[in-house]
């Protein structure tokens, strides 16, 4: 299984979108400062996870979340979470 995950920092100011085959290890990597691009905004928690059978499908969905339309969807997830 492969996953697309969206993380949000505790201050609800920064998100990070990625794909992995091991969610718990990847979250630990982010929170331990092992991911350079997210290091300065830790700690993170999981906002959203999607499951895919192939890495290709997961990467395609990850790319979607990095588009303008995908960022709008993430904003909606944050709004729903905080409501």
Protein backbone atom coordinates (compact mmCIF):
# COMPACT_ATOMS: atom_id res chain seq x y z
CA UNK A 1 0.00 0.00 0.00
CA UNK A 2 1.03 3.55 -0.69
CA UNK A 3 -0.34 6.65 0.96
CA UNK A 4 -0.69 10.34 0.26
CA UNK A 5 -0.60 12.31 3.47
CA UNK A 6 -1.21 15.89 4.40
CA UNK A 7 0.34 17.16 7.60
CA UNK A 8 -0.47 20.36 9.44
CA UNK A 9 1.66 21.97 12.10
CA UNK A 10 0.33 22.57 15.61
CA UNK A 11 -0.14 26.29 14.94
CA UNK A 12 -2.37 25.51 11.89
CA UNK A 13 -0.17 27.74 9.72
CA UNK A 14 1.78 25.31 7.51
CA UNK A 15 0.89 22.12 5.66
CA UNK A 16 3.07 19.50 4.02
CA UNK A 17 1.91 17.02 1.38
CA UNK A 18 3.81 13.88 0.52
CA UNK A 19 3.56 10.19 -0.31
CA UNK A 20 4.99 7.16 1.47
CA UNK A 21 4.50 3.48 2.19
CA UNK A 22 4.97 3.97 5.96
CA UNK A 23 2.91 6.77 7.49
CA UNK A 24 4.11 6.47 11.09
CA UNK A 25 7.80 6.49 10.10
CA UNK A 26 7.31 9.45 7.81
CA UNK A 27 5.46 11.46 10.48
CA UNK A 28 8.29 10.70 12.91
CA UNK A 29 10.82 11.86 10.31
CA UNK A 30 9.00 15.19 9.98
CA UNK A 31 8.69 15.70 13.73
CA UNK A 32 12.33 14.74 14.36
CA UNK A 33 13.58 17.35 11.89
CA UNK A 34 14.81 14.86 9.28
CA UNK A 35 12.85 16.52 6.46
CA UNK A 36 14.58 19.76 5.55
CA UNK A 37 11.56 21.51 4.00
CA UNK A 38 9.34 20.98 7.05
CA UNK A 39 11.95 21.24 9.80
CA UNK A 40 11.28 24.84 10.82
CA UNK A 41 7.52 24.42 11.37
CA UNK A 42 7.35 21.25 13.45
CA UNK A 43 5.64 19.54 15.22
CA UNK A 44 3.15 18.17 12.72
CA UNK A 45 0.05 16.04 12.99
CA UNK A 46 -1.85 14.17 10.30
CA UNK A 47 -4.63 16.15 8.65
CA UNK A 48 -5.59 13.71 5.89
CA UNK A 49 -4.55 10.30 4.45
CA UNK A 50 -5.52 8.58 1.20
CA UNK A 51 -4.62 4.98 0.31
CA UNK A 52 -3.53 3.74 -3.13
CA UNK A 53 -2.49 0.39 -4.56
CA UNK A 54 0.43 1.72 -6.57
CA UNK A 55 3.12 4.32 -6.08
CA UNK A 56 2.19 5.87 -9.43
CA UNK A 57 -1.38 6.54 -8.26
CA UNK A 58 -0.13 8.02 -5.00
CA UNK A 59 2.34 10.32 -6.77
CA UNK A 60 -0.39 11.52 -9.15
CA UNK A 61 -2.63 12.42 -6.21
CA UNK A 62 0.27 14.11 -4.42
CA UNK A 63 0.84 16.24 -7.53
CA UNK A 64 -2.86 17.15 -7.55
CA UNK A 65 -2.65 18.48 -3.99
CA UNK A 66 0.23 20.69 -5.05
CA UNK A 67 -1.89 22.45 -7.71
CA UNK A 68 -4.10 25.46 -7.07
CA UNK A 69 -7.22 23.30 -7.02
CA UNK A 70 -5.56 20.84 -4.66
CA UNK A 71 -4.48 23.62 -2.29
CA UNK A 72 -8.12 24.78 -2.20
CA UNK A 73 -9.15 21.25 -1.21
CA UNK A 74 -6.55 21.29 1.59
CA UNK A 75 -7.89 24.65 2.77
CA UNK A 76 -11.40 23.10 2.88
CA UNK A 77 -10.06 20.19 4.95
CA UNK A 78 -8.52 22.64 7.43
CA UNK A 79 -11.73 24.65 7.63
CA UNK A 80 -13.78 21.49 8.22
CA UNK A 81 -11.31 20.32 10.87
CA UNK A 82 -11.47 23.62 12.77
CA UNK A 83 -15.27 23.96 12.58
